[in-house]
C-alpha atoms as a PDB file:
ATOM      1  CA  MET A   1     -43.170 -45.133  -5.166  1.00  0.00           C
ATOM      2  CA  ASN A   2     -40.907 -46.561  -2.478  1.00  0.00           C
ATOM      3  CA  PHE A   3     -37.113 -46.825  -2.177  1.00  0.00           C
ATOM      4  CA  ARG A   4     -35.045 -48.505   0.543  1.00  0.00           C
ATOM      5  CA  LYS A   5     -31.439 -49.433   1.146  1.00  0.00           C
ATOM      6  CA  ILE A   6     -31.320 -53.083   2.168  1.00  0.00           C
ATOM      7  CA  LEU A   7     -28.903 -55.853   3.039  1.00  0.00           C
ATOM      8  CA  TRP A   8     -29.597 -58.906   0.888  1.00  0.00           C
ATOM      9  CA  TYR A   9     -31.070 -61.885   2.744  1.00  0.00           C
ATOM     10  CA  LYS A  10     -28.710 -64.514   1.325  1.00  0.00           C
ATOM     11  CA  PRO A  11     -25.126 -64.512   2.664  1.00  0.00           C
ATOM     12  CA  ARG A  12     -22.168 -65.236   0.403  1.00  0.00           C
ATOM     13  CA  GLN A  13     -19.617 -67.954   1.197  1.00  0.00           C
ATOM     14  CA  ASP A  14     -17.399 -65.480   3.042  1.00  0.00           C
ATOM     15  CA  GLY A  15     -20.294 -64.402   5.294  1.00  0.00           C
ATOM     16  CA  THR A  16     -20.864 -61.017   3.643  1.00  0.00           C
ATOM     17  CA  ARG A  17     -24.119 -59.906   2.073  1.00  0.00           C
ATOM     18  CA  ASP A  18     -24.817 -57.645  -0.895  1.00  0.00           C
ATOM     19  CA  ILE A  19     -26.108 -54.136  -0.277  1.00  0.00           C
ATOM     20  CA  LYS A  20     -28.952 -53.331  -2.653  1.00  0.00           C
ATOM     21  CA  ILE A  21     -31.422 -50.555  -3.344  1.00  0.00           C
ATOM     22  CA  TYR A  22     -35.014 -51.789  -3.291  1.00  0.00           C
ATOM     23  CA  ALA A  23     -37.350 -49.833  -5.561  1.00  0.00           C
ATOM     24  CA  TYR A  24     -41.119 -50.210  -5.877  1.00  0.00           C
ATOM     25  CA  LEU A  25     -43.073 -48.304  -8.515  1.00  0.00           C
ATOM     26  CA  ASP A  26     -46.541 -48.896  -9.983  1.00  0.00           C
ATOM     27  CA  GLY A  27     -46.817 -52.490  -8.771  1.00  0.00           C
ATOM     28  CA  GLU A  28     -43.327 -53.395  -9.938  1.00  0.00           C
ATOM     29  CA  LYS A  29     -40.338 -54.003  -7.676  1.00  0.00           C
ATOM     30  CA  LYS A  30     -36.677 -54.194  -8.542  1.00  0.00           C
ATOM     31  CA  TYR A  31     -33.392 -54.552  -6.681  1.00  0.00           C
ATOM     32  CA  PHE A  32     -30.333 -52.578  -7.805  1.00  0.00           C
ATOM     33  CA  SER A  33     -26.918 -53.803  -6.706  1.00  0.00           C
ATOM     34  CA  THR A  34     -24.502 -51.277  -5.251  1.00  0.00           C
ATOM     35  CA  GLY A  35     -21.584 -53.625  -5.825  1.00  0.00           C
ATOM     36  CA  LEU A  36     -20.789 -53.470  -2.098  1.00  0.00           C
ATOM     37  CA  LYS A  37     -20.809 -56.248   0.483  1.00  0.00           C
ATOM     38  CA  VAL A  38     -20.655 -56.189   4.291  1.00  0.00           C
ATOM     39  CA  LYS A  39     -21.285 -58.587   7.154  1.00  0.00           C
ATOM     40  CA  GLU A  40     -24.683 -58.442   8.814  1.00  0.00           C
ATOM     41  CA  GLU A  41     -23.265 -56.990  12.046  1.00  0.00           C
ATOM     42  CA  GLU A  42     -21.756 -54.075  10.038  1.00  0.00           C
ATOM     43  CA  TRP A  43     -25.162 -53.009   8.656  1.00  0.00           C
ATOM     44  CA  ASN A  44     -27.706 -50.723  10.329  1.00  0.00           C
ATOM     45  CA  SER A  45     -31.070 -51.833   8.940  1.00  0.00           C
ATOM     46  CA  LYS A  46     -32.980 -48.930  10.543  1.00  0.00           C
ATOM     47  CA  SER A  47     -30.967 -46.209   8.836  1.00  0.00           C
ATOM     48  CA  GLY A  48     -30.049 -48.281   5.777  1.00  0.00           C
ATOM     49  CA  ALA A  49     -26.350 -47.545   6.170  1.00  0.00           C
ATOM     50  CA  VAL A  50     -23.038 -49.203   6.917  1.00  0.00           C
ATOM     51  CA  LYS A  51     -22.170 -48.804  10.604  1.00  0.00           C
ATOM     52  CA  LYS A  52     -19.350 -46.449  11.562  1.00  0.00           C
ATOM     53  CA  SER A  53     -17.418 -49.404  12.984  1.00  0.00           C
ATOM     54  CA  HIS A  54     -16.694 -50.520   9.402  1.00  0.00           C
ATOM     55  CA  PRO A  55     -13.352 -49.021   8.239  1.00  0.00           C
ATOM     56  CA  LEU A  56     -14.787 -47.835   4.903  1.00  0.00           C
ATOM     57  CA  SER A  57     -18.211 -46.774   6.157  1.00  0.00           C
ATOM     58  CA  LEU A  58     -17.962 -43.202   4.836  1.00  0.00           C
ATOM     59  CA  ALA A  59     -16.998 -44.302   1.318  1.00  0.00           C
ATOM     60  CA  TYR A  60     -19.562 -47.121   1.273  1.00  0.00           C
ATOM     61  CA  ASN A  61     -22.388 -44.893   2.493  1.00  0.00           C
ATOM     62  CA  ALA A  62     -21.477 -42.191  -0.030  1.00  0.00           C
ATOM     63  CA  ARG A  63     -21.646 -44.721  -2.865  1.00  0.00           C
ATOM     64  CA  ILE A  64     -24.933 -46.181  -1.602  1.00  0.00           C
ATOM     65  CA  ASN A  65     -26.485 -42.714  -1.237  1.00  0.00           C
ATOM     66  CA  ASN A  66     -25.255 -41.698  -4.685  1.00  0.00           C
ATOM     67  CA  LEU A  67     -26.946 -44.696  -6.339  1.00  0.00           C
ATOM     68  CA  TYR A  68     -30.095 -44.144  -4.250  1.00  0.00           C
ATOM     69  CA  ARG A  69     -30.226 -40.490  -5.356  1.00  0.00           C
ATOM     70  CA  ARG A  70     -29.631 -41.399  -9.037  1.00  0.00           C
ATOM     71  CA  ILE A  71     -32.469 -43.941  -9.004  1.00  0.00           C
ATOM     72  CA  GLU A  72     -34.787 -41.448  -7.308  1.00  0.00           C
ATOM     73  CA  GLU A  73     -33.919 -38.677  -9.806  1.00  0.00           C
ATOM     74  CA  HIS A  74     -34.388 -41.089 -12.713  1.00  0.00           C
ATOM     75  CA  ILE A  75     -37.883 -42.052 -11.531  1.00  0.00           C
ATOM     76  CA  LEU A  76     -38.905 -38.475 -10.705  1.00  0.00           C
ATOM     77  CA  SER A  77     -37.827 -37.324 -14.175  1.00  0.00           C
ATOM     78  CA  GLY A  78     -40.195 -39.822 -15.812  1.00  0.00           C
ATOM     79  CA  GLY A  79     -37.992 -42.904 -16.093  1.00  0.00           C
ATOM     80  CA  THR A  80     -39.017 -46.450 -15.263  1.00  0.00           C
ATOM     81  CA  LEU A  81     -37.336 -49.132 -13.190  1.00  0.00           C
ATOM     82  CA  ASP A  82     -36.532 -51.110 -16.331  1.00  0.00           C
ATOM     83  CA  ASN A  83     -34.697 -48.358 -18.188  1.00  0.00           C
ATOM     84  CA  PHE A  84     -32.415 -47.336 -15.317  1.00  0.00           C
ATOM     85  CA  GLU A  85     -28.830 -48.491 -15.772  1.00  0.00           C
ATOM     86  CA  THR A  86     -26.262 -48.723 -13.015  1.00  0.00           C
ATOM     87  CA  GLN A  87     -22.678 -47.649 -13.657  1.00  0.00           C
ATOM     88  CA  GLU A  88     -21.708 -51.304 -13.890  1.00  0.00           C
ATOM     89  CA  ASP A  89     -24.292 -51.846 -16.623  1.00  0.00           C
ATOM     90  CA  LYS A  90     -23.084 -48.793 -18.506  1.00  0.00           C
ATOM     91  CA  GLY A  91     -19.526 -49.972 -18.442  1.00  0.00           C
ATOM     92  CA  LYS A  92     -20.574 -53.289 -19.888  1.00  0.00           C
ATOM     93  CA  TYR A  93     -22.085 -51.682 -22.980  1.00  0.00           C
ATOM     94  CA  HIS A  94     -20.047 -52.913 -25.925  1.00  0.00           C
ATOM     95  CA  LEU A  95     -18.249 -50.394 -28.107  1.00  0.00           C
ATOM     96  CA  VAL A  96     -18.791 -52.345 -31.347  1.00  0.00           C
ATOM     97  CA  LYS A  97     -22.510 -52.691 -30.599  1.00  0.00           C
ATOM     98  CA  PHE A  98     -22.798 -48.955 -29.987  1.00  0.00           C
ATOM     99  CA  LEU A  99     -20.841 -48.106 -33.150  1.00  0.00           C
ATOM    100  CA  THR A 100     -23.069 -50.446 -35.194  1.00  0.00           C
ATOM    101  CA  GLU A 101     -26.187 -48.717 -33.823  1.00  0.00           C
ATOM    102  CA  PHE A 102     -24.595 -45.305 -34.382  1.00  0.00           C
ATOM    103  CA  ILE A 103     -23.898 -46.118 -38.055  1.00  0.00           C
ATOM    104  CA  ALA A 104     -27.486 -47.390 -38.448  1.00  0.00           C
ATOM    105  CA  GLU A 105     -28.735 -44.035 -37.112  1.00  0.00           C
ATOM    106  CA  GLY A 106     -26.508 -42.295 -39.647  1.00  0.00           C
ATOM    107  CA  ASP A 107     -27.886 -44.444 -42.471  1.00  0.00           C
ATOM    108  CA  LYS A 108     -31.398 -43.321 -41.493  1.00  0.00           C
ATOM    109  CA  GLY A 109     -30.291 -39.684 -41.737  1.00  0.00           C
ATOM    110  CA  LEU A 110     -30.635 -38.998 -38.014  1.00  0.00           C
ATOM    111  CA  LEU A 111     -27.056 -37.766 -37.524  1.00  0.00           C
ATOM    112  CA  GLY A 112     -26.486 -35.517 -40.512  1.00  0.00           C
ATOM    113  CA  LEU A 113     -23.355 -37.393 -41.595  1.00  0.00           C
ATOM    114  CA  SER A 114     -22.424 -37.751 -45.249  1.00  0.00           C
ATOM    115  CA  ARG A 115     -22.161 -41.123 -46.959  1.00  0.00           C
ATOM    116  CA  GLY A 116     -18.372 -40.787 -47.149  1.00  0.00           C
ATOM    117  CA  THR A 117     -18.117 -40.089 -43.425  1.00  0.00           C
ATOM    118  CA  LEU A 118     -20.298 -43.109 -42.663  1.00  0.00           C
ATOM    119  CA  ASN A 119     -17.997 -45.237 -44.824  1.00  0.00           C
ATOM    120  CA  ILE A 120     -15.046 -44.156 -42.664  1.00  0.00           C
ATOM    121  CA  TYR A 121     -17.077 -45.110 -39.564  1.00  0.00           C
ATOM    122  CA  ARG A 122     -17.753 -48.517 -41.175  1.00  0.00           C
ATOM    123  CA  ALA A 123     -14.030 -48.980 -41.834  1.00  0.00           C
ATOM    124  CA  THR A 124     -13.275 -48.229 -38.171  1.00  0.00           C
ATOM    125  CA  LEU A 125     -16.030 -50.649 -37.157  1.00  0.00           C
ATOM    126  CA  SER A 126     -14.535 -53.437 -39.259  1.00  0.00           C
ATOM    127  CA  ARG A 127     -11.068 -52.777 -37.753  1.00  0.00           C
ATOM    128  CA  LEU A 128     -12.517 -52.909 -34.230  1.00  0.00           C
ATOM    129  CA  GLU A 129     -14.307 -56.177 -35.054  1.00  0.00           C
ATOM    130  CA  LEU A 130     -11.037 -57.593 -36.402  1.00  0.00           C
ATOM    131  CA  TYR A 131      -9.262 -56.463 -33.227  1.00  0.00           C
ATOM    132  CA  GLU A 132     -11.922 -58.124 -31.058  1.00  0.00           C
ATOM    133  CA  SER A 133     -11.758 -61.394 -32.978  1.00  0.00           C
ATOM    134  CA  THR A 134      -7.946 -61.404 -32.812  1.00  0.00           C
ATOM    135  CA  LYS A 135      -7.889 -60.679 -29.070  1.00  0.00           C
ATOM    136  CA  GLY A 136     -10.907 -62.900 -28.319  1.00  0.00           C
ATOM    137  CA  LYS A 137     -12.608 -60.278 -26.165  1.00  0.00           C
ATOM    138  CA  LYS A 138     -15.440 -57.779 -26.543  1.00  0.00           C
ATOM    139  CA  LEU A 139     -14.498 -54.153 -25.971  1.00  0.00           C
ATOM    140  CA  THR A 140     -16.471 -52.150 -23.429  1.00  0.00           C
ATOM    141  CA  PHE A 141     -16.196 -48.407 -22.857  1.00  0.00           C
ATOM    142  CA  LYS A 142     -14.071 -49.080 -19.772  1.00  0.00           C
ATOM    143  CA  ASP A 143     -11.494 -50.817 -21.973  1.00  0.00           C
ATOM    144  CA  ILE A 144     -10.797 -47.671 -24.004  1.00  0.00           C
ATOM    145  CA  THR A 145      -7.728 -46.194 -22.324  1.00  0.00           C
ATOM    146  CA  ALA A 146      -4.457 -44.656 -23.469  1.00  0.00           C
ATOM    147  CA  ASP A 147      -2.901 -48.128 -23.306  1.00  0.00           C
ATOM    148  CA  PHE A 148      -5.648 -49.474 -25.557  1.00  0.00           C
ATOM    149  CA  GLU A 149      -5.083 -46.652 -28.051  1.00  0.00           C
ATOM    150  CA  ARG A 150      -1.383 -47.502 -28.296  1.00  0.00           C
ATOM    151  CA  GLU A 151      -2.146 -51.204 -28.633  1.00  0.00           C
ATOM    152  CA  PHE A 152      -4.864 -50.572 -31.238  1.00  0.00           C
ATOM    153  CA  ALA A 153      -2.550 -48.290 -33.246  1.00  0.00           C
ATOM    154  CA  ALA A 154       0.107 -51.029 -33.295  1.00  0.00           C
ATOM    155  CA  PHE A 155      -2.574 -53.544 -34.285  1.00  0.00           C
ATOM    156  CA  LEU A 156      -3.744 -51.326 -37.157  1.00  0.00           C
ATOM    157  CA  GLN A 157      -0.197 -50.994 -38.418  1.00  0.00           C
ATOM    158  CA  GLN A 158       0.597 -54.701 -38.158  1.00  0.00           C
ATOM    159  CA  TYR A 159      -2.665 -56.441 -39.112  1.00  0.00           C
ATOM    160  CA  ALA A 160      -4.677 -53.867 -41.057  1.00  0.00           C
ATOM    161  CA  ASP A 161      -1.701 -52.471 -42.991  1.00  0.00           C
ATOM    162  CA  CYS A 162      -2.538 -48.898 -41.959  1.00  0.00           C
ATOM    163  CA  SER A 163      -0.028 -46.100 -42.213  1.00  0.00           C
ATOM    164  CA  LEU A 164       0.020 -43.024 -39.981  1.00  0.00           C
ATOM    165  CA  PRO A 165      -2.789 -41.098 -41.777  1.00  0.00           C
ATOM    166  CA  GLY A 166      -5.083 -44.158 -41.649  1.00  0.00           C
ATOM    167  CA  ILE A 167      -4.310 -44.789 -37.989  1.00  0.00           C
ATOM    168  CA  SER A 168      -5.013 -41.127 -37.198  1.00  0.00           C
ATOM    169  CA  LYS A 169      -8.341 -41.322 -39.034  1.00  0.00           C
ATOM    170  CA  HIS A 170      -9.455 -44.414 -37.085  1.00  0.00           C
ATOM    171  CA  MET A 171      -8.370 -42.845 -33.778  1.00  0.00           C
ATOM    172  CA  LYS A 172     -10.288 -39.667 -34.596  1.00  0.00           C
ATOM    173  CA  ILE A 173     -13.432 -41.703 -35.303  1.00  0.00           C
ATOM    174  CA  LEU A 174     -12.930 -43.724 -32.114  1.00  0.00           C
ATOM    175  CA  LYS A 175     -12.637 -40.523 -30.040  1.00  0.00           C
ATOM    176  CA  ARG A 176     -15.740 -39.067 -31.714  1.00  0.00           C
ATOM    177  CA  VAL A 177     -17.735 -42.224 -30.981  1.00  0.00           C
ATOM    178  CA  MET A 178     -16.567 -42.152 -27.352  1.00  0.00           C
ATOM    179  CA  ALA A 179     -17.655 -38.498 -27.071  1.00  0.00           C
ATOM    180  CA  VAL A 180     -21.112 -39.285 -28.470  1.00  0.00           C
ATOM    181  CA  ALA A 181     -21.441 -42.241 -26.080  1.00  0.00           C
ATOM    182  CA  GLN A 182     -20.495 -39.947 -23.207  1.00  0.00           C
ATOM    183  CA  GLU A 183     -23.124 -37.403 -24.304  1.00  0.00           C
ATOM    184  CA  ARG A 184     -25.657 -40.243 -24.216  1.00  0.00           C
ATOM    185  CA  LYS A 185     -24.433 -41.105 -20.717  1.00  0.00           C
ATOM    186  CA  LEU A 186     -23.233 -44.605 -21.622  1.00  0.00           C
ATOM    187  CA  HIS A 187     -19.929 -43.949 -19.860  1.00  0.00           C
ATOM    188  CA  HIS A 188     -18.146 -41.142 -18.043  1.00  0.00           C
END
């Protein structure tokens, strides 16, 4: 088991390089992106940190160390390199995909939800799919904000012919699904 903070070998067009976490475990190696980029002269390869001369060095190093610590904890608690997800990966998890899987779990009896409740979840799923097809974009957990809720409520009223009780029901289901996804650490 070996972990290191590294500066990627290949520079980008603007001269910066990606900062990554190198992980080696049981003959397998993987690189995890931190989402940060610096120039080579702003990186201390010995300490694996952004030099203090960089204006955002404290914030960058905190983020790098946080990801490093999360990977280390994940591995020490029995995880593998393949099943570790970065925050960026978590945010990209699609809401409709999760809801579909959630309903499938309910159909198998794993959630303890009644058939009627699952039907309401299916109705919310179909409304979300209609919303996605109308907007031409897949919803991720990051997209679910107060602005989205207002926009989705207006969409339900206009396109799905929902009145206030129906809109409230779909919003309640949406909030429940978001809470379950948060419990499963798919978003924060």
